[in-house]
Structure formats: C-alpha cells, structure tokens
N, C-alpha and C. Protein backbone atom coordinates (compact mmCIF):
# COMPACT_ATOMS: atom_id res chain seq x y z
N UNK A 1 -26.39 -9.13 29.48
CA UNK A 1 -25.05 -9.86 28.74
C UNK A 1 -24.57 -8.51 27.83
N UNK A 2 -23.03 -9.26 28.04
CA UNK A 2 -21.41 -8.05 27.95
C UNK A 2 -21.06 -9.02 26.80
N UNK A 3 -21.02 -8.72 25.31
CA UNK A 3 -20.33 -8.83 24.18
C UNK A 3 -20.42 -10.40 24.18
N UNK A 4 -21.07 -11.23 23.72
CA UNK A 4 -21.99 -12.42 23.81
C UNK A 4 -21.92 -12.96 25.20
N UNK A 5 -21.30 -12.76 26.24
CA UNK A 5 -20.98 -13.28 27.44
C UNK A 5 -22.30 -13.32 27.90
N UNK A 6 -23.04 -13.89 28.70
CA UNK A 6 -23.77 -13.81 29.53
C UNK A 6 -23.86 -13.71 31.43
N UNK A 7 -23.94 -12.65 32.09
CA UNK A 7 -23.95 -11.76 33.20
C UNK A 7 -24.74 -12.38 33.94
N UNK A 8 -24.89 -13.23 34.81
CA UNK A 8 -26.24 -13.31 35.22
C UNK A 8 -26.58 -12.60 36.42
N UNK A 9 -27.54 -12.55 37.16
CA UNK A 9 -27.57 -11.69 38.60
C UNK A 9 -27.06 -11.61 39.51
N UNK A 10 -26.16 -13.32 39.57
CA UNK A 10 -26.01 -13.36 40.85
C UNK A 10 -24.04 -13.14 40.90
N UNK A 11 -23.82 -12.26 39.39
CA UNK A 11 -22.26 -12.07 39.31
C UNK A 11 -21.86 -11.40 39.88
N UNK A 12 -20.37 -11.74 40.58
CA UNK A 12 -19.75 -10.75 41.14
C UNK A 12 -19.28 -9.92 40.63
N UNK A 13 -18.72 -8.82 41.11
CA UNK A 13 -18.77 -7.21 40.56
C UNK A 13 -17.81 -8.04 39.64
N UNK A 14 -16.20 -8.72 40.28
CA UNK A 14 -15.09 -9.40 39.68
C UNK A 14 -15.49 -9.41 38.51
N UNK A 15 -16.67 -11.01 37.97
CA UNK A 15 -16.95 -10.83 36.71
C UNK A 15 -17.48 -10.32 35.89
N UNK A 16 -17.94 -9.24 36.66
CA UNK A 16 -18.92 -7.71 35.51
C UNK A 16 -17.65 -6.93 35.39
N UNK A 17 -16.41 -6.69 35.59
CA UNK A 17 -15.75 -6.13 35.41
C UNK A 17 -14.87 -7.05 34.49
N UNK A 18 -14.31 -8.01 34.43
CA UNK A 18 -13.59 -8.34 33.61
C UNK A 18 -14.27 -8.63 32.51
N UNK A 19 -15.62 -9.13 32.03
CA UNK A 19 -16.00 -9.15 31.42
C UNK A 19 -16.27 -7.62 30.56
N UNK A 20 -16.85 -6.62 31.09
CA UNK A 20 -16.22 -4.97 30.63
C UNK A 20 -15.07 -5.03 30.23
N UNK A 21 -13.96 -5.48 30.53
CA UNK A 21 -12.38 -5.04 30.39
C UNK A 21 -12.70 -5.99 29.35
N UNK A 22 -13.47 -7.07 28.87
CA UNK A 22 -12.67 -7.68 27.35
C UNK A 22 -13.74 -7.39 26.09
N UNK A 23 -14.43 -6.21 27.00
CA UNK A 23 -15.61 -5.34 26.36
C UNK A 23 -15.16 -4.43 25.11
N UNK A 24 -14.42 -3.66 25.93
CA UNK A 24 -13.26 -2.43 25.60
C UNK A 24 -12.57 -2.94 25.40
N UNK A 25 -11.41 -3.35 25.86
CA UNK A 25 -10.41 -4.58 24.49
C UNK A 25 -10.90 -4.12 23.78
N UNK A 26 -11.70 -5.38 22.63
CA UNK A 26 -12.28 -6.25 21.67
C UNK A 26 -13.03 -3.98 21.01
N UNK A 27 -13.42 -3.56 21.83
CA UNK A 27 -13.91 -2.54 21.39
C UNK A 27 -12.97 -1.59 20.33
N UNK A 28 -11.72 -1.37 21.40
CA UNK A 28 -10.69 -0.56 20.99
C UNK A 28 -10.00 -1.07 19.75
N UNK A 29 -9.49 -2.38 19.85
CA UNK A 29 -8.90 -3.11 18.56
C UNK A 29 -9.94 -2.97 17.41
N UNK A 30 -10.69 -3.25 17.23
CA UNK A 30 -11.49 -2.80 16.59
C UNK A 30 -11.47 -0.84 16.06
N UNK A 31 -11.69 -0.12 16.77
CA UNK A 31 -11.61 1.14 17.01
C UNK A 31 -10.33 1.65 15.46
N UNK A 32 -9.17 0.06 15.75
CA UNK A 32 -7.75 0.70 16.42
C UNK A 32 -7.46 0.38 14.67
N UNK A 33 -8.72 -0.89 13.89
CA UNK A 33 -8.13 -1.41 12.61
C UNK A 33 -7.88 -0.41 11.69
N UNK A 34 -9.06 0.48 11.51
CA UNK A 34 -8.31 1.30 10.25
C UNK A 34 -7.37 2.02 10.07
N UNK A 35 -6.86 1.91 11.07
CA UNK A 35 -5.69 3.21 10.91
C UNK A 35 -5.07 2.27 11.02
N UNK A 36 -4.79 0.68 11.36
CA UNK A 36 -3.95 -0.63 10.82
C UNK A 36 -3.68 -0.41 9.72
N UNK A 37 -4.85 -0.65 9.12
CA UNK A 37 -5.12 -1.18 7.27
C UNK A 37 -5.04 -0.12 6.88
N UNK A 38 -5.08 1.68 6.97
CA UNK A 38 -4.60 3.09 5.81
C UNK A 38 -2.96 2.42 6.05
N UNK A 39 -2.33 2.23 7.27
CA UNK A 39 -0.97 2.32 7.46
C UNK A 39 -0.75 0.89 6.57
N UNK A 40 -0.81 0.26 6.57
CA UNK A 40 -0.72 -1.13 5.43
C UNK A 40 -0.88 -1.06 4.27
N UNK A 41 -1.47 -0.66 3.89
CA UNK A 41 -2.42 -0.08 2.27
C UNK A 41 -1.02 0.99 1.73
N UNK A 42 -0.42 1.96 2.42
CA UNK A 42 0.67 3.07 2.78
C UNK A 42 1.96 1.75 2.29
N UNK A 43 2.08 1.20 3.06
CA UNK A 43 3.21 0.59 3.31
C UNK A 43 3.11 0.01 1.60
N UNK A 44 2.30 -1.01 1.80
CA UNK A 44 2.27 -1.80 0.76
C UNK A 44 2.75 -1.08 -0.60
N UNK A 45 1.95 -0.37 -0.95
CA UNK A 45 1.96 0.98 -1.85
C UNK A 45 2.83 1.49 -2.55
N UNK A 46 4.34 2.17 -1.21
CA UNK A 46 4.98 2.44 -1.15
C UNK A 46 6.25 1.36 -1.57
N UNK A 47 6.62 -0.04 -0.74
CA UNK A 47 7.19 -1.13 -0.76
C UNK A 47 7.07 -1.68 -3.00
N UNK A 48 5.66 -1.48 -3.14
CA UNK A 48 5.38 -1.76 -4.66
C UNK A 48 6.19 -0.32 -5.54
N UNK A 49 6.10 0.12 -5.23
CA UNK A 49 6.42 1.24 -6.27
C UNK A 49 8.39 1.51 -5.66
N UNK A 50 8.64 0.45 -4.76
CA UNK A 50 10.26 0.98 -4.41
C UNK A 50 10.81 0.02 -5.30
N UNK A 51 10.22 -1.24 -5.20
CA UNK A 51 10.65 -2.75 -5.70
C UNK A 51 10.95 -2.69 -7.24
N UNK A 52 9.76 -1.89 -7.74
CA UNK A 52 9.94 -1.64 -9.51
C UNK A 52 11.09 -0.77 -9.84
N UNK A 53 11.38 0.67 -8.48
CA UNK A 53 12.95 0.74 -8.96
C UNK A 53 14.20 -0.06 -8.54
N UNK A 54 13.86 -0.77 -7.57
CA UNK A 54 15.11 -1.94 -7.34
C UNK A 54 15.44 -2.40 -8.27
N UNK A 55 13.86 -3.50 -8.30
CA UNK A 55 14.38 -4.34 -10.74
C UNK A 55 15.20 -3.71 -11.09
N UNK A 56 14.56 -2.32 -11.91
CA UNK A 56 15.05 -1.63 -12.76
C UNK A 56 16.42 -1.10 -12.29
N UNK A 57 17.17 -1.38 -11.37
CA UNK A 57 18.74 -0.93 -10.63
C UNK A 57 19.15 -2.19 -11.06
N UNK A 58 18.28 -2.87 -10.86
CA UNK A 58 19.06 -4.65 -11.09
C UNK A 58 19.69 -4.97 -12.30
N UNK A 59 18.38 -4.44 -13.46
CA UNK A 59 18.63 -4.91 -14.78
C UNK A 59 19.75 -4.02 -15.53
N UNK A 60 20.13 -2.76 -15.04
CA UNK A 60 20.91 -2.08 -15.09
C UNK A 60 21.98 -2.16 -14.68
N UNK A 61 22.25 -2.82 -14.08
CA UNK A 61 23.86 -3.44 -12.83
C UNK A 61 23.72 -4.58 -14.17
N UNK A 62 22.86 -5.39 -14.43
CA UNK A 62 23.27 -6.97 -15.31
C UNK A 62 24.18 -6.47 -16.46
N UNK A 63 23.95 -5.26 -17.41
CA UNK A 63 24.82 -4.55 -18.38
C UNK A 63 26.23 -4.74 -18.73
N UNK A 64 26.60 -5.12 -19.26
CA UNK A 64 28.17 -6.18 -19.00
C UNK A 64 28.74 -7.26 -18.38
N UNK A 65 28.12 -7.29 -17.65
CA UNK A 65 28.85 -8.34 -16.36
C UNK A 65 28.98 -10.02 -17.25
N UNK A 66 28.46 -10.07 -18.20
CA UNK A 66 29.04 -11.56 -18.82
C UNK A 66 30.08 -11.48 -20.00
N UNK A 67 31.10 -12.18 -20.21
CA UNK A 67 32.39 -12.29 -20.69
C UNK A 67 31.28 -12.76 -22.53
N UNK A 68 31.09 -11.99 -23.17
CA UNK A 68 31.04 -13.12 -24.68
C UNK A 68 31.11 -12.35 -25.73
N UNK A 69 30.68 -12.34 -26.81
CA UNK A 69 30.93 -11.99 -27.78
C UNK A 69 30.09 -11.07 -28.06
N UNK A 70 30.89 -9.54 -28.87
CA UNK A 70 30.01 -8.58 -28.93
C UNK A 70 28.69 -8.27 -29.50
N UNK A 71 28.43 -8.98 -30.32
CA UNK A 71 27.18 -9.60 -31.16
C UNK A 71 26.17 -10.12 -29.72
N UNK A 72 26.35 -10.72 -28.89
CA UNK A 72 25.56 -11.32 -28.29
C UNK A 72 25.08 -10.50 -26.97
N UNK A 73 26.69 -9.33 -26.53
CA UNK A 73 26.61 -8.73 -25.31
C UNK A 73 25.87 -7.62 -25.70
N UNK A 74 25.52 -7.21 -27.36
CA UNK A 74 24.39 -6.28 -27.47
C UNK A 74 23.10 -6.38 -27.60
N UNK A 75 22.63 -7.97 -27.90
CA UNK A 75 21.65 -8.39 -27.41
C UNK A 75 21.10 -8.34 -25.79
N UNK A 76 21.94 -8.65 -25.51
CA UNK A 76 21.43 -8.66 -23.89
C UNK A 76 21.71 -7.43 -22.99
N UNK A 77 22.21 -6.11 -23.79
CA UNK A 77 22.43 -5.59 -22.97
C UNK A 77 20.86 -4.26 -23.74
N UNK A 78 20.83 -4.99 -24.65
CA UNK A 78 19.38 -4.01 -25.64
C UNK A 78 18.13 -4.89 -24.66
N UNK A 79 18.42 -6.20 -23.67
CA UNK A 79 17.43 -6.70 -23.47
C UNK A 79 17.31 -5.84 -21.43
N UNK A 80 18.36 -6.30 -21.36
CA UNK A 80 18.07 -5.59 -19.74
C UNK A 80 18.10 -4.15 -19.89
N UNK A 81 18.35 -3.49 -20.30
CA UNK A 81 18.02 -1.70 -20.94
C UNK A 81 16.54 -1.53 -21.04
N UNK A 82 15.77 -2.46 -21.73
CA UNK A 82 14.56 -2.86 -22.23
C UNK A 82 14.13 -2.92 -21.11
N UNK A 83 14.10 -4.45 -19.73
CA UNK A 83 13.28 -4.57 -19.20
C UNK A 83 13.19 -2.92 -17.83
N UNK A 84 14.83 -2.46 -17.30
CA UNK A 84 15.31 -1.17 -17.10
C UNK A 84 13.85 -0.46 -16.32
N UNK A 85 14.11 -0.05 -18.42
CA UNK A 85 12.75 0.91 -18.75
C UNK A 85 11.26 0.18 -18.06
N UNK A 86 10.84 -0.76 -18.53
CA UNK A 86 9.59 -0.88 -17.84
C UNK A 86 9.47 -1.06 -16.90
N UNK A 87 10.77 -1.39 -15.94
CA UNK A 87 10.03 -1.01 -14.29
C UNK A 87 10.42 0.00 -14.09
N UNK A 88 10.90 0.80 -14.72
CA UNK A 88 11.05 2.38 -14.22
C UNK A 88 9.64 2.97 -14.17
N UNK A 89 9.42 3.17 -15.22
CA UNK A 89 8.20 3.37 -16.46
C UNK A 89 6.90 2.88 -15.34
N UNK A 90 6.90 1.60 -14.58
CA UNK A 90 6.02 0.65 -14.01
C UNK A 90 5.85 1.66 -13.07
N UNK A 91 7.08 1.63 -12.17
CA UNK A 91 7.44 2.57 -10.81
C UNK A 91 6.97 4.01 -10.77
N UNK A 92 7.10 4.91 -12.08
CA UNK A 92 6.43 6.09 -11.83
C UNK A 92 5.40 6.15 -12.26
N UNK A 93 4.32 4.90 -13.20
CA UNK A 93 3.35 4.67 -13.37
C UNK A 93 1.82 4.76 -11.73
N UNK A 94 2.14 3.69 -11.13
CA UNK A 94 2.38 2.91 -9.59
C UNK A 94 2.20 4.80 -8.80
N UNK A 95 3.41 5.36 -8.81
CA UNK A 95 3.64 6.29 -7.96
C UNK A 95 2.69 7.24 -8.18
N UNK A 96 2.39 7.66 -9.93
CA UNK A 96 1.61 8.72 -10.05
C UNK A 96 -0.32 8.28 -9.82
N UNK A 97 -0.53 7.41 -10.61
CA UNK A 97 -1.71 6.24 -10.10
C UNK A 97 -2.16 6.96 -8.43
N UNK A 98 -1.24 6.02 -7.41
CA UNK A 98 -1.22 6.02 -6.69
C UNK A 98 -1.10 8.19 -4.90
N UNK A 99 -0.29 8.93 -6.01
CA UNK A 99 -0.23 9.67 -5.12
C UNK A 99 -1.72 10.18 -4.10
N UNK A 100 -2.88 10.26 -5.14
CA UNK A 100 -3.77 10.97 -4.59
C UNK A 100 -4.19 10.15 -3.13
N UNK A 101 -4.22 8.56 -3.70
CA UNK A 101 -4.58 7.89 -2.39
C UNK A 101 -3.47 7.70 -1.52
N UNK A 102 -2.23 7.83 -1.59
CA UNK A 102 -1.03 8.12 -0.66
C UNK A 102 -1.48 9.11 0.64
N UNK A 103 -2.29 10.44 -0.82
CA UNK A 103 -1.74 11.64 0.41
C UNK A 103 -3.25 11.82 1.10
N UNK A 104 -4.37 11.32 0.40
CA UNK A 104 -5.64 10.86 1.03
C UNK A 104 -5.42 10.62 2.86
N UNK A 105 -4.45 9.74 2.88
CA UNK A 105 -4.53 8.36 3.71
C UNK A 105 -3.69 9.20 4.16
N UNK A 106 -2.88 9.60 4.16
CA UNK A 106 -1.61 10.11 5.12
C UNK A 106 -2.61 11.92 5.89
N UNK A 107 -3.55 12.35 5.24
CA UNK A 107 -4.36 13.31 6.05
C UNK A 107 -5.32 12.56 7.49
N UNK A 108 -6.10 11.11 6.89
CA UNK A 108 -6.46 10.43 7.05
C UNK A 108 -6.15 10.03 8.58
N UNK A 109 -4.96 9.16 8.65
CA UNK A 109 -3.91 8.87 9.73
C UNK A 109 -3.54 9.87 10.79
N UNK A 110 -3.37 11.35 10.00
CA UNK A 110 -2.24 12.55 11.08
C UNK A 110 -3.37 12.74 11.88
N UNK A 111 -5.37 12.67 11.13
CA UNK A 111 -6.24 13.09 12.46
C UNK A 111 -6.77 11.81 13.08
N UNK A 112 -6.58 10.42 13.11
CA UNK A 112 -7.02 9.23 13.35
C UNK A 112 -5.90 9.05 14.37
N UNK A 113 -4.20 9.51 14.60
CA UNK A 113 -3.32 9.21 15.47
C UNK A 113 -3.55 10.75 16.67
N UNK A 114 -4.54 11.52 16.22
CA UNK A 114 -4.38 13.13 16.92
C UNK A 114 -6.03 12.35 17.54
N UNK A 115 -6.34 11.75 18.80
CA UNK A 115 -7.40 11.46 19.45
C UNK A 115 -8.78 12.55 19.80
N UNK A 116 -7.57 13.71 20.34
CA UNK A 116 -8.48 14.84 20.97
C UNK A 116 -9.29 15.83 19.24
N UNK A 117 -8.32 15.51 18.62
CA UNK A 117 -9.27 16.38 17.21
C UNK A 117 -9.76 15.46 16.78
N UNK A 118 -10.24 13.72 16.70
CA UNK A 118 -10.53 13.04 15.56
C UNK A 118 -12.21 13.72 15.20
N UNK A 119 -12.93 14.51 15.72
CA UNK A 119 -13.73 15.41 15.83
C UNK A 119 -13.72 16.34 14.53
N UNK A 120 -12.33 17.11 14.45
CA UNK A 120 -11.85 17.88 12.81
C UNK A 120 -11.86 17.78 12.16
N UNK A 121 -12.15 16.05 11.92
CA UNK A 121 -11.30 15.94 10.80
C UNK A 121 -12.37 16.26 9.25
N UNK A 122 -11.78 17.17 8.61
CA UNK A 122 -12.00 18.05 7.75
C UNK A 122 -12.75 17.31 6.54
N UNK A 123 -14.05 17.96 6.48
CA UNK A 123 -14.62 16.94 5.68
C UNK A 123 -14.51 16.96 3.55
N UNK A 124 -13.90 15.96 4.03
CA UNK A 124 -13.50 15.69 2.30
C UNK A 124 -13.93 15.05 1.62
N UNK A 125 -14.18 15.84 0.01
CA UNK A 125 -15.00 15.80 -0.63
C UNK A 125 -14.54 14.08 -1.01
N UNK A 126 -15.66 13.02 -1.54
CA UNK A 126 -14.94 11.86 -2.28
C UNK A 126 -14.14 11.88 -3.36
N UNK A 127 -13.20 10.93 -3.35
CA UNK A 127 -11.64 10.80 -4.09
C UNK A 127 -12.07 10.05 -4.96
N UNK A 128 -12.07 10.55 -6.40
CA UNK A 128 -12.34 9.47 -7.58
C UNK A 128 -10.76 8.70 -7.87
N UNK A 129 -11.18 7.70 -7.81
CA UNK A 129 -10.14 6.99 -8.40
C UNK A 129 -10.34 5.91 -9.84
N UNK A 130 -9.56 5.63 -10.72
CA UNK A 130 -10.04 5.01 -11.73
C UNK A 130 -9.26 3.96 -11.35
N UNK A 131 -9.39 2.56 -11.48
CA UNK A 131 -8.68 1.34 -12.05
C UNK A 131 -8.75 0.68 -12.59
N UNK A 132 -7.48 0.24 -13.60
CA UNK A 132 -7.42 -0.39 -14.55
C UNK A 132 -6.78 -2.12 -13.70
N UNK A 133 -8.34 -3.01 -14.96
CA UNK A 133 -8.28 -4.09 -14.63
C UNK A 133 -7.48 -4.78 -15.40
N UNK A 134 -7.10 -4.56 -16.59
CA UNK A 134 -6.69 -5.09 -17.80
C UNK A 134 -5.13 -4.83 -17.14
N UNK A 135 -4.84 -6.16 -16.84
CA UNK A 135 -2.76 -5.65 -16.85
C UNK A 135 -2.15 -5.33 -18.00
N UNK A 136 -2.72 -6.02 -19.15
CA UNK A 136 -1.42 -5.68 -20.47
C UNK A 136 -2.12 -4.61 -20.24
N UNK A 137 -3.04 -3.35 -20.47
CA UNK A 137 -3.86 -2.10 -21.10
C UNK A 137 -1.77 -1.39 -20.80
N UNK A 138 -1.63 -2.04 -19.48
CA UNK A 138 -0.79 -0.58 -18.99
C UNK A 138 0.63 -0.41 -19.75
N UNK A 139 0.90 -2.37 -20.19
CA UNK A 139 2.10 -2.45 -21.46
C UNK A 139 1.65 -1.52 -22.88
N UNK A 140 0.71 -2.03 -23.19
CA UNK A 140 0.04 -1.47 -24.57
C UNK A 140 0.14 -0.16 -24.88
N UNK A 141 0.24 0.42 -23.64
CA UNK A 141 0.32 2.00 -23.84
C UNK A 141 1.96 2.81 -23.16
N UNK A 142 2.65 1.68 -22.67
CA UNK A 142 3.67 2.13 -22.85
C UNK A 142 4.24 1.97 -24.04
N UNK A 143 3.66 0.85 -25.40
CA UNK A 143 4.45 0.76 -26.50
C UNK A 143 3.70 1.44 -27.32
N UNK A 144 2.95 2.15 -26.66
CA UNK A 144 2.39 3.13 -27.81
C UNK A 144 3.29 4.26 -27.52
N UNK A 145 3.70 4.88 -26.98
CA UNK A 145 4.30 5.92 -26.29
C UNK A 145 6.25 5.75 -27.27
N UNK A 146 6.26 4.46 -27.40
CA UNK A 146 7.63 4.64 -28.51
C UNK A 146 8.37 3.94 -27.86
N UNK A 147 8.17 4.01 -26.55
CA UNK A 147 9.34 3.25 -25.75
C UNK A 147 9.46 1.50 -25.27
C-alpha cells in the first residue's frame, strides 16, 4: 500500500511509479508547510504593526480637515490626536512584544531555505513569550502611563 492507494501484485511499473510520485509530492508539500506557516506568521505580524502606524497617520491627517467652530475644532483635534497616540502605542507595543518571535522565525527560515544546511540548524533554547489574553489590559497600561 502506498499512500492509501493499494498497489496490487499485478500492478504495472507505470502504476507503481505514478503512486510513488504522488506520495513524493504529498511528502514534499508536507515538508514545506512549516516554512510557509513561518512566512505567513511573520507577514501577518509585520502587516499588523504597519497597519497601526498607518491608522495613526490617518488620524493625524484628519486634524484640521473640517471647517467648524474653533471650539469644535479643538475637540476634534484632541480626539484625533488621542486615537493617533493609541494606534502608534499599539504598533510599538506589538513590535516590541513580537520582536523575539520575528527574529527567531528569521533564523529558522534562513536555515530551512538552505536544504543542504538543514542539519546544521543551531540548537536553540526554548523561546518564552508572555501572551496577554485580555484585550483591555493593554489599554489600561497606556492609561496608567498618563498617555
């Protein structure tokens, strides 16, 4: 039996070869999956951080865009500055929090992309990362800083 396909005693050489080729393709795709997952995680982290900075810039561009009374303009400006500050802090926080993960992923990817040197992947100590499950916790910390 090759990959769930039963190869009979009377199978031709071509049938066996096709079955083995199919199994080889599946095994190769399975072996490449961790690389793709690492690339995707790195890209998602990168885009999330960049999106925070983009939103912060967008809020800053909103300042002074409306022709309103000075009193209302002052409130809108404060609102926009506050949101820009929150987004920029979120981006910085994520960049700092995810830096060790992103660096580790780069090291692993560099070794995985060079197949002859896969066996030389350095022995790395486990990476410990603290994960905050409460979304409001980050907001409370930024409020405690007086920002």
